Every structure is written in C-alpha cells, then in structure tokens.
Amino acid sequence: MKPPISDIAFTPSVKTIQEKMGSRRQYARMEERGGWQNVITQDLADFVADQDSFYLATASAEGRPYIQHRGGPKGFLKVLDDRTFAFADFSGNRQYISLGNLAENNQAFLFFMDYATQTRIKVWGTAEVMTDDPDLLKQLTNSQYKGKPERIIRFHVETWDANCRQHIPLQYSQEDVENIVQPLRDRITALEAENERIQKQLPMPA
C-alpha cells in the first residue's frame, strides 16, 4: 500500500508523538479519506494570486534550517502548472543563505499567512534556482515594481495543507484598511454635500 503523501510531514517520530498525545486517530482518518492535496487546485491558485508575501524555508546539507521572507507585488508568486510555482527573486541583503542551501539541498517549504482571512497554508516540495531563462523571468516580473529581479526560483509541489485558524490574530494591511475606509469617506462627502444643498434651500431667518 502506497504511504499517504502527508508522510512527508508525519514521519514515524511525529506519528509516535501523535499517538502519545491522542491525535493519531484523527489524522489516520484524514489519510483514509485521501489526505492532503498534491496538486495546485484552483482555490490554492486564487489564494496565492492575492498574496504579496510568503516565507521560504530551506536547510543546509547538515539540516540547519533557515526561513526567509519573500515579498513583492500582489500575485508575484505565479502558477506555472498544477505542480509548479515560480517567482522572481529580487535583490536583497546579499547573504544568499537560501541560495547556498538550495545548492546542496533542494528540499524546500513555503508558508503563507493571510491575517485578513485568518488563513495559513503550508506547501512542501523542492526548489531550484534558475538564471538562464530571460523569457520566464520577464513573465514573472512586474515592471511597475521597484525591486530588481536577479533570478528565478521554481518550486515543485509535493503536497500542501491548510491549517486551522486557531490563534491567528485578525489583522489588515494598509491597502485593506483603505479599501474598507474609502467608501465611508465617500459616503461622508456625499452626505456633507447633501446637507450643504439642503441648508442653502432653507429660508433665511427673519
């Protein structure tokens, strides 16, 4: 019998802890129902298209972990096919820890946190660094964004899962707040104009 794809995270050690803590049964049922996804669904693609930030995790050959924040214009992480993401990697502090890790260990992980919708998504896979595909780099680059693209990182999805919303604080970006507040400002402006029009129509006091 083929092991469930969630075994990428649920190692024998993890399952032992789950058994000890009483959660193994519920995850075994999840695995029996089909378990985690191993393709980029339309829901996931739509979610990613609305993100301007995520975290990329890599590890050295010795297993030393490293997490790097990657940001860009909304939707800068693109779906190439139902198993592949790619993004333009912009110039940064020039430490190149992620690149060094990927040069010796292609195991990688994407972590998305959307505070406005209280959604977090975890994606396991492998990543490769590409510097020889200018056409794809152009496809992945927004000319209006100030960041300088230096390379492509292509991420091959092995499996993904959406976490529960527990303990995620509800927060909004400045853009989100503006989108919420602007209709209220417009309404206030319209009411003030209407009030001024009515005041002008009132008879002058004797």
Protein backbone atom coordinates (compact mmCIF):
# COMPACT_ATOMS: atom_id res chain seq x y z
CA MET A 1 0.00 0.00 0.00
CA LYS A 2 1.33 3.43 -1.01
CA PRO A 3 2.01 5.63 2.02
CA PRO A 4 -0.10 8.80 2.30
CA ILE A 5 1.51 11.98 1.00
CA SER A 6 1.17 13.53 4.46
CA ASP A 7 4.01 11.21 5.49
CA ILE A 8 6.29 13.94 4.17
CA ALA A 9 5.48 15.68 7.47
CA PHE A 10 4.10 12.85 9.55
CA THR A 11 7.33 10.90 9.96
CA PRO A 12 7.46 7.84 12.23
CA SER A 13 8.71 10.09 15.02
CA VAL A 14 5.80 12.51 14.50
CA LYS A 15 3.29 9.67 14.44
CA THR A 16 4.71 8.35 17.69
CA ILE A 17 4.12 11.73 19.32
CA GLN A 18 0.62 11.93 17.82
CA GLU A 19 -0.16 8.52 19.27
CA LYS A 20 1.15 9.56 22.65
CA MET A 21 -0.81 12.84 22.63
CA GLY A 22 -4.03 11.27 21.35
CA SER A 23 -4.32 12.81 17.88
CA ARG A 24 -3.07 9.95 15.67
CA ARG A 25 -6.55 8.51 15.17
CA GLN A 26 -7.99 11.70 13.69
CA TYR A 27 -5.06 12.08 11.30
CA ALA A 28 -5.30 8.42 10.32
CA ARG A 29 -8.94 9.06 9.36
CA MET A 30 -7.82 12.09 7.35
CA GLU A 31 -5.33 9.89 5.49
CA GLU A 32 -8.01 7.28 4.80
CA ARG A 33 -10.24 9.97 3.24
CA GLY A 34 -7.49 10.90 0.78
CA GLY A 35 -5.33 13.15 2.93
CA TRP A 36 -3.58 16.24 1.69
CA GLN A 37 -3.54 17.65 -1.83
CA ASN A 38 -0.58 17.09 -4.14
CA VAL A 39 -1.66 19.45 -6.93
CA ILE A 40 -2.30 23.17 -7.06
CA THR A 41 -6.08 23.45 -7.01
CA GLN A 42 -7.99 26.46 -8.28
CA ASP A 43 -8.69 27.53 -4.69
CA LEU A 44 -4.98 27.47 -3.88
CA ALA A 45 -4.11 29.31 -7.10
CA ASP A 46 -6.69 32.01 -6.30
CA PHE A 47 -5.34 32.35 -2.76
CA VAL A 48 -1.73 32.68 -3.95
CA ALA A 49 -2.70 35.24 -6.61
CA ASP A 50 -3.90 37.53 -3.80
CA GLN A 51 -0.70 37.29 -1.73
CA ASP A 52 2.15 39.79 -1.67
CA SER A 53 4.23 37.92 0.89
CA PHE A 54 5.23 34.44 1.99
CA TYR A 55 8.08 32.61 3.73
CA LEU A 56 10.56 30.27 2.04
CA ALA A 57 12.21 27.66 4.23
CA THR A 58 15.37 25.79 3.25
CA ALA A 59 18.01 23.78 5.07
CA SER A 60 21.72 23.20 4.71
CA ALA A 61 23.15 19.78 3.88
CA GLU A 62 23.52 19.23 7.64
CA GLY A 63 19.83 20.05 8.18
CA ARG A 64 20.31 23.53 9.65
CA PRO A 65 17.01 25.32 8.90
CA TYR A 66 16.59 28.83 7.56
CA ILE A 67 13.45 30.87 6.84
CA GLN A 68 13.45 33.85 4.51
CA HIS A 69 10.62 36.30 3.90
CA ARG A 70 9.88 36.96 0.24
CA GLY A 71 7.74 39.89 -0.79
CA GLY A 72 6.68 41.60 -3.98
CA PRO A 73 3.64 42.91 -5.84
CA LYS A 74 0.42 41.02 -5.18
CA GLY A 75 0.47 37.76 -7.12
CA PHE A 76 4.23 37.76 -7.75
CA LEU A 77 4.29 34.03 -6.99
CA LYS A 78 2.97 32.53 -10.21
CA VAL A 79 1.44 29.15 -11.01
CA LEU A 80 3.26 27.57 -13.96
CA ASP A 81 1.28 24.33 -13.91
CA ASP A 82 -0.66 22.24 -11.40
CA ARG A 83 2.53 21.14 -9.64
CA THR A 84 4.79 24.17 -10.03
CA PHE A 85 5.15 27.68 -8.63
CA ALA A 86 7.78 30.22 -9.66
CA PHE A 87 8.76 33.71 -8.62
CA ALA A 88 11.30 36.37 -9.47
CA ASP A 89 13.82 36.56 -6.66
CA PHE A 90 14.63 40.22 -6.01
CA SER A 91 17.93 41.62 -4.82
CA GLY A 92 18.24 41.86 -1.03
CA ASN A 93 20.90 41.88 1.65
CA ARG A 94 23.23 39.62 -0.41
CA GLN A 95 23.68 36.99 2.28
CA TYR A 96 22.49 34.26 -0.15
CA ILE A 97 21.70 31.76 2.61
CA SER A 98 18.69 30.30 0.78
CA LEU A 99 20.66 30.02 -2.46
CA GLY A 100 23.54 28.31 -0.67
CA ASN A 101 21.18 25.88 1.00
CA LEU A 102 19.40 25.05 -2.28
CA ALA A 103 22.77 24.43 -3.96
CA GLU A 104 23.34 21.46 -1.64
CA ASN A 105 19.81 20.53 -0.51
CA ASN A 106 16.80 21.14 -2.76
CA GLN A 107 14.21 20.37 -0.07
CA ALA A 108 12.11 23.48 0.50
CA PHE A 109 8.91 24.71 2.10
CA LEU A 110 6.51 27.61 1.53
CA PHE A 111 4.48 29.13 4.34
CA PHE A 112 1.64 31.57 3.68
CA MET A 113 -0.07 33.65 6.34
CA ASP A 114 -3.06 35.81 5.41
CA TYR A 115 -4.12 37.64 8.56
CA ALA A 116 -7.11 39.35 6.94
CA THR A 117 -8.75 35.99 6.19
CA GLN A 118 -7.04 34.16 9.08
CA THR A 119 -5.65 31.58 6.65
CA ARG A 120 -2.33 29.79 6.74
CA ILE A 121 -1.15 27.31 4.12
CA LYS A 122 1.88 25.03 4.16
CA VAL A 123 3.49 23.68 1.00
CA TRP A 124 6.20 21.01 0.91
CA GLY A 125 8.38 20.40 -2.11
CA THR A 126 11.71 21.05 -3.78
CA ALA A 127 13.12 24.24 -5.25
CA GLU A 128 15.62 25.10 -7.92
CA VAL A 129 17.41 28.33 -8.81
CA MET A 130 17.29 29.41 -12.45
CA THR A 131 19.37 32.15 -14.07
CA ASP A 132 19.13 31.18 -17.75
CA ASP A 133 15.50 31.79 -18.72
CA PRO A 134 15.02 35.51 -19.51
CA ASP A 135 11.61 34.94 -21.07
CA LEU A 136 10.24 33.32 -17.92
CA LEU A 137 11.89 35.98 -15.76
CA LYS A 138 10.09 38.64 -17.80
CA GLN A 139 6.81 36.76 -17.35
CA LEU A 140 7.34 36.71 -13.58
CA THR A 141 8.33 40.38 -13.28
CA ASN A 142 6.04 43.35 -12.78
CA SER A 143 7.65 46.36 -14.47
CA GLN A 144 5.89 48.70 -12.02
CA TYR A 145 7.59 47.09 -9.02
CA LYS A 146 10.77 48.79 -7.80
CA GLY A 147 12.60 45.57 -6.85
CA LYS A 148 15.40 44.31 -9.10
CA PRO A 149 14.86 40.68 -10.18
CA GLU A 150 18.10 38.69 -10.08
CA ARG A 151 16.96 35.10 -10.68
CA ILE A 152 14.04 32.71 -10.75
CA ILE A 153 13.17 30.26 -8.01
CA ARG A 154 10.97 27.45 -9.24
CA PHE A 155 9.16 25.42 -6.62
CA HIS A 156 7.91 21.88 -7.33
CA VAL A 157 4.93 21.00 -5.13
CA GLU A 158 4.86 17.61 -3.40
CA THR A 159 1.96 18.27 -1.05
CA TRP A 160 0.16 21.08 0.77
CA ASP A 161 -2.27 21.60 3.60
CA ALA A 162 -4.30 24.44 5.10
CA ASN A 163 -4.04 24.92 8.86
CA CYS A 164 -6.92 25.71 11.17
CA ARG A 165 -7.50 29.38 12.03
CA GLN A 166 -6.98 28.96 15.75
CA HIS A 167 -4.78 31.65 17.36
CA ILE A 168 -4.36 33.68 14.12
CA PRO A 169 -4.95 37.35 15.01
CA LEU A 170 -7.19 39.30 12.66
CA GLN A 171 -5.09 42.00 11.00
CA TYR A 172 -5.43 44.13 7.90
CA SER A 173 -2.87 45.67 5.57
CA GLN A 174 -2.86 49.37 4.80
CA GLU A 175 -4.43 48.57 1.42
CA ASP A 176 -7.16 46.52 3.09
CA VAL A 177 -7.93 49.35 5.51
CA GLU A 178 -8.06 51.88 2.68
CA ASN A 179 -10.49 49.69 0.77
CA ILE A 180 -12.71 49.47 3.85
CA VAL A 181 -12.49 53.14 4.81
CA GLN A 182 -12.72 54.80 1.37
CA PRO A 183 -16.44 54.00 0.83
CA LEU A 184 -17.14 55.50 4.25
CA ARG A 185 -15.21 58.66 3.32
CA ASP A 186 -17.13 58.86 0.04
CA ARG A 187 -20.42 58.49 1.91
CA ILE A 188 -19.48 61.24 4.38
CA THR A 189 -18.53 63.55 1.50
CA ALA A 190 -21.85 62.87 -0.22
CA LEU A 191 -23.81 63.49 2.99
CA GLU A 192 -21.94 66.74 3.66
CA ALA A 193 -22.72 67.91 0.11
CA GLU A 194 -26.37 66.96 0.55
CA ASN A 195 -26.52 68.76 3.88
CA GLU A 196 -25.00 71.88 2.33
CA ARG A 197 -27.54 71.78 -0.51
CA ILE A 198 -30.44 71.49 1.95
CA GLN A 199 -29.08 74.32 4.12
CA LYS A 200 -28.98 76.61 1.10
CA GLN A 201 -32.65 75.87 0.37
CA LEU A 202 -33.82 76.75 3.86
CA PRO A 203 -35.42 80.18 4.28
CA MET A 204 -33.23 82.83 5.81
CA PRO A 205 -34.12 83.67 9.42
CA ALA A 206 -36.21 86.84 9.82
